[in-house]
Amino acid sequence: MTVDNQSQKGQPPVWRAALFGLCPECGGPTLFEGPVKFRDRCPACGLDYGAYNVGDGPAAFLTLIIGALLIAAALTLDSLVRPPLWVHIVLWVPLTAAAVVYGLRVGKGALLASEHQRKAAEGRRMDEPHD
């Protein structure tokens, strides 16, 4: 399966749904209600976003990665330029907040779109009846 392979016409690829907050079913820009909160359902096609279990995995993973990258950048800046402390505060606090929020949007959007396009569901034992 290629990255741009779509299971149905109108469905955006996972990367596009993640970057732009698109509904994985219809492609409308309706995935998020707030900065990182999913809507209950898509107003355009009615897809229930609550049926997908994205969880808090992206939060811990992305926060650690973004934190490590920004600490490395802050230490590099400090060793090269030696700016005053207020420069670090003015520069890194908003940059960290923006990177974490946008990273969470992308991470959560990618997981939801991936679950939808792969029709992910809870695991079942072979001897259990299907719905």
Foldseek 3Di string as FASTA:
>chain_A
DDQQDAPDPQAGGLQVCLQQVADRPRRHNQQAPDLQHGDQARPPPGHGLVQDDLDCVQLVVQLVVLVVVLVVVVVVCCVPPVDDPVVCVVPPPVVSVVSSSSSSSNSSSSRSSVCVRVVDDDDDDPPDDDD
